[in-house]
N, C-alpha and C. Protein backbone atom coordinates (compact mmCIF):
# COMPACT_ATOMS: atom_id res chain seq x y z
N MET A 1 63.86 20.28 43.87
CA MET A 1 64.83 20.75 44.01
C MET A 1 66.12 20.23 43.62
N ILE A 2 66.80 20.95 42.35
CA ILE A 2 68.35 20.41 42.05
C ILE A 2 69.52 20.70 42.73
N ARG A 3 70.14 19.85 42.80
CA ARG A 3 71.43 19.90 43.36
C ARG A 3 72.26 19.28 42.44
N CYS A 4 73.36 20.04 42.33
CA CYS A 4 74.98 19.78 41.30
C CYS A 4 76.26 19.84 42.39
N ALA A 5 76.77 18.92 42.89
CA ALA A 5 77.76 18.73 43.53
C ALA A 5 78.93 19.58 42.77
N GLY A 6 78.66 19.76 41.60
CA GLY A 6 80.06 19.95 40.62
C GLY A 6 80.20 18.83 39.94
N ALA A 7 80.25 19.28 38.54
CA ALA A 7 80.54 18.04 37.67
C ALA A 7 81.80 18.39 36.73
N HIS A 8 82.77 16.92 36.66
CA HIS A 8 83.47 17.23 35.61
C HIS A 8 83.34 16.39 34.57
N TYR A 9 83.86 17.15 33.01
CA TYR A 9 83.49 16.49 31.82
C TYR A 9 84.81 16.62 31.13
N PRO A 10 85.03 15.89 30.15
CA PRO A 10 86.17 15.75 29.28
C PRO A 10 86.50 17.26 28.63
N THR A 11 85.37 18.07 28.87
CA THR A 11 85.37 19.39 28.14
C THR A 11 85.42 20.37 29.23
N GLY A 12 85.51 20.21 30.45
CA GLY A 12 85.25 21.24 31.19
C GLY A 12 84.67 20.72 32.86
N PHE A 13 84.47 22.05 33.83
CA PHE A 13 84.03 21.72 35.09
C PHE A 13 82.86 22.83 35.04
N ILE A 14 82.02 22.40 35.92
CA ILE A 14 80.91 23.01 36.34
C ILE A 14 80.78 22.89 38.03
N PRO A 15 80.87 24.48 38.35
CA PRO A 15 81.28 24.45 39.70
C PRO A 15 79.62 23.97 40.47
N ALA A 16 79.74 23.55 41.96
CA ALA A 16 78.45 23.24 42.54
C ALA A 16 77.84 24.51 43.11
N HIS A 17 76.52 23.84 42.46
CA HIS A 17 74.81 24.70 42.64
C HIS A 17 74.05 24.07 43.02
N ASP A 18 72.98 24.70 43.94
CA ASP A 18 71.75 23.71 44.18
C ASP A 18 70.74 24.94 44.58
N GLY A 19 69.42 24.56 44.47
CA GLY A 19 68.21 25.27 44.61
C GLY A 19 67.95 26.12 46.03
N VAL A 20 69.09 25.90 46.61
CA VAL A 20 68.80 26.22 48.58
C VAL A 20 69.73 27.53 48.23
N GLY A 21 69.72 28.70 48.57
CA GLY A 21 70.86 29.70 49.01
C GLY A 21 70.83 30.07 47.94
N PRO A 22 72.52 30.14 47.62
CA PRO A 22 72.97 31.10 46.22
C PRO A 22 72.12 30.28 45.08
N ALA A 23 72.25 31.10 44.22
CA ALA A 23 71.67 30.78 42.63
C ALA A 23 72.43 31.00 41.64
N HIS A 24 72.04 30.16 40.26
CA HIS A 24 72.94 30.11 39.47
C HIS A 24 72.33 30.95 38.52
N ILE A 25 72.83 31.98 37.78
CA ILE A 25 72.28 32.95 36.70
C ILE A 25 73.39 32.52 35.61
N GLY A 26 72.70 32.60 34.59
CA GLY A 26 73.52 32.68 32.56
C GLY A 26 72.85 33.83 32.24
N LEU A 27 74.52 34.33 31.99
CA LEU A 27 74.01 35.40 30.92
C LEU A 27 74.77 35.55 29.64
N ALA A 28 73.99 35.83 28.34
CA ALA A 28 74.21 35.39 27.34
C ALA A 28 75.40 36.83 26.66
N VAL A 29 76.56 35.82 26.04
CA VAL A 29 77.63 37.24 25.50
C VAL A 29 77.87 36.25 24.39
N THR A 30 78.52 36.87 23.54
CA THR A 30 78.95 36.63 21.99
C THR A 30 80.36 35.98 22.17
N LYS A 31 81.02 34.86 21.29
CA LYS A 31 82.08 34.18 21.35
C LYS A 31 82.88 35.79 21.45
N GLU A 32 82.95 36.60 20.61
CA GLU A 32 83.81 37.53 20.63
C GLU A 32 84.04 38.13 22.07
N GLN A 33 82.94 38.67 23.07
CA GLN A 33 83.17 39.38 23.82
C GLN A 33 83.11 38.35 25.18
N LEU A 34 83.51 36.79 25.15
CA LEU A 34 83.70 36.28 26.14
C LEU A 34 85.13 36.54 26.94
N PRO A 35 86.01 36.41 25.42
CA PRO A 35 87.42 36.71 26.45
C PRO A 35 87.85 38.09 27.02
N HIS A 36 87.04 38.86 26.30
CA HIS A 36 86.85 40.35 27.27
C HIS A 36 86.53 40.58 28.53
N TRP A 37 85.66 39.73 28.67
CA TRP A 37 84.69 39.65 30.03
C TRP A 37 85.61 39.22 30.74
N GLU A 38 86.30 37.85 30.29
CA GLU A 38 87.23 36.95 31.36
C GLU A 38 88.30 37.86 31.67
N ARG A 39 88.85 38.64 30.80
CA ARG A 39 89.96 39.25 31.21
C ARG A 39 89.43 40.39 32.19
N HIS A 40 88.32 41.44 32.04
CA HIS A 40 87.88 42.57 32.93
C HIS A 40 87.65 41.64 34.43
N LEU A 41 86.88 40.33 34.41
CA LEU A 41 86.82 39.86 35.74
C LEU A 41 87.90 39.31 36.72
N VAL A 42 88.93 38.80 36.21
CA VAL A 42 90.24 38.78 36.65
C VAL A 42 90.80 39.91 36.77
N ASP A 43 90.70 40.65 36.27
CA ASP A 43 91.89 41.78 36.37
C ASP A 43 91.17 42.50 37.71
N ASN A 44 89.88 42.28 37.78
CA ASN A 44 88.99 42.81 38.83
C ASN A 44 88.99 42.20 40.48
N GLY A 45 89.88 41.06 40.47
CA GLY A 45 90.20 40.01 41.19
C GLY A 45 88.93 39.02 41.39
N VAL A 46 88.13 38.72 40.29
CA VAL A 46 87.19 37.31 40.59
C VAL A 46 88.05 36.49 39.87
N GLU A 47 87.51 35.57 40.42
CA GLU A 47 88.05 33.97 40.41
C GLU A 47 87.26 33.28 39.44
N ILE A 48 87.79 32.93 38.34
CA ILE A 48 86.88 31.89 37.10
C ILE A 48 86.98 30.41 38.17
N GLU A 49 85.75 30.07 38.48
CA GLU A 49 85.74 28.84 39.39
C GLU A 49 85.51 27.66 38.22
N GLY A 50 85.04 27.54 36.67
CA GLY A 50 85.30 26.76 36.11
C GLY A 50 84.74 26.73 34.99
N ARG A 51 84.85 26.37 33.60
CA ARG A 51 84.82 26.60 32.26
C ARG A 51 84.51 25.33 31.53
N MET A 52 83.40 25.66 30.61
CA MET A 52 83.21 24.08 29.56
C MET A 52 83.09 24.86 28.43
N HIS A 53 83.54 23.68 27.24
CA HIS A 53 83.32 23.88 25.71
C HIS A 53 82.43 22.81 25.97
N TRP A 54 81.30 23.05 25.34
CA TRP A 54 79.94 22.33 24.76
C TRP A 54 80.22 21.73 23.66
N GLU A 55 79.45 20.67 23.23
CA GLU A 55 79.47 19.75 22.22
C GLU A 55 78.87 20.64 20.89
N HIS A 56 77.89 21.62 21.48
CA HIS A 56 77.41 22.26 19.87
C HIS A 56 78.05 23.71 19.68
N GLY A 57 79.58 23.49 20.48
CA GLY A 57 80.64 24.78 20.05
C GLY A 57 80.45 26.09 20.95
N GLY A 58 79.43 25.81 22.13
CA GLY A 58 79.35 27.08 23.05
C GLY A 58 80.32 26.78 24.41
N GLU A 59 80.43 28.27 24.65
CA GLU A 59 81.57 27.91 26.02
C GLU A 59 81.27 28.75 27.09
N SER A 60 81.09 28.34 28.21
CA SER A 60 80.91 29.02 29.25
C SER A 60 82.02 29.35 30.61
N ILE A 61 82.04 30.74 31.19
CA ILE A 61 82.74 30.27 32.39
C ILE A 61 82.01 30.66 33.54
N TYR A 62 81.94 30.28 34.67
CA TYR A 62 81.14 30.31 35.73
C TYR A 62 82.38 31.12 37.04
N PHE A 63 81.69 32.04 37.84
CA PHE A 63 82.33 32.72 38.64
C PHE A 63 81.36 33.09 39.58
N ARG A 64 81.44 33.85 41.23
CA ARG A 64 80.41 33.77 41.93
C ARG A 64 80.58 35.48 42.13
N ASP A 65 79.42 36.01 42.60
CA ASP A 65 79.02 37.26 42.73
C ASP A 65 79.50 37.75 44.33
N PRO A 66 79.46 38.68 45.02
CA PRO A 66 79.77 38.91 46.46
C PRO A 66 79.16 38.05 47.39
N ASP A 67 77.91 37.67 46.81
CA ASP A 67 76.73 37.16 47.36
C ASP A 67 77.00 35.33 47.26
N ALA A 68 77.62 34.88 46.86
CA ALA A 68 78.11 33.54 46.15
C ALA A 68 77.15 32.72 45.37
N HIS A 69 76.49 33.67 44.56
CA HIS A 69 75.40 33.32 43.50
C HIS A 69 76.58 32.79 42.48
N LEU A 70 76.38 31.61 42.02
CA LEU A 70 76.94 31.07 40.70
C LEU A 70 76.71 31.64 39.41
N LEU A 71 77.51 32.60 39.02
CA LEU A 71 77.18 33.40 37.63
C LEU A 71 77.78 32.59 36.40
N GLU A 72 77.64 32.68 35.13
CA GLU A 72 77.75 31.86 34.15
C GLU A 72 77.51 32.87 32.99
N LEU A 73 78.58 33.09 32.44
CA LEU A 73 78.60 34.13 31.03
C LEU A 73 78.62 32.30 30.23
N VAL A 74 77.82 32.90 28.97
CA VAL A 74 77.60 31.87 28.11
C VAL A 74 77.76 32.03 26.79
N THR A 75 78.22 31.56 25.84
CA THR A 75 77.86 31.90 23.94
C THR A 75 76.88 31.00 23.60
N PRO A 76 76.49 31.31 22.40
CA PRO A 76 75.74 30.31 21.53
C PRO A 76 76.34 29.09 21.68
N GLY A 77 75.40 27.71 21.27
CA GLY A 77 76.06 26.68 21.08
C GLY A 77 76.45 25.79 22.25
N ILE A 78 75.60 26.41 23.33
CA ILE A 78 75.42 25.28 24.47
C ILE A 78 74.58 24.16 24.19
N TRP A 79 73.65 24.11 23.83
CA TRP A 79 71.97 23.51 23.50
C TRP A 79 72.21 23.69 21.67
N ALA A 80 71.11 22.92 21.36
CA ALA A 80 70.97 22.70 19.68
C ALA A 80 70.35 23.58 19.37
N ASN A 81 69.44 24.29 20.08
CA ASN A 81 68.74 25.56 19.92
C ASN A 81 69.03 27.18 20.42
N TYR A 82 70.52 26.91 20.98
CA TYR A 82 71.03 28.46 21.26
C TYR A 82 72.46 28.06 21.27
């Protein structure tokens, strides 16, 4: 089981999540789509809990669904191979 109590980095913040109960689910979007999705979420009352700017140029935003699962919208460039 992996537990993440939340992590602060110079380039952003990853909210807490672990392998018990609520899950972490990442969904791929393009860099161009990310700001549109963020605006849609905020306009519909969804709190953005965290944001990361990854060293390979990718970006992530983090938010929760109604069951408290941590959802991530992520663009290419979070790893060397994506």
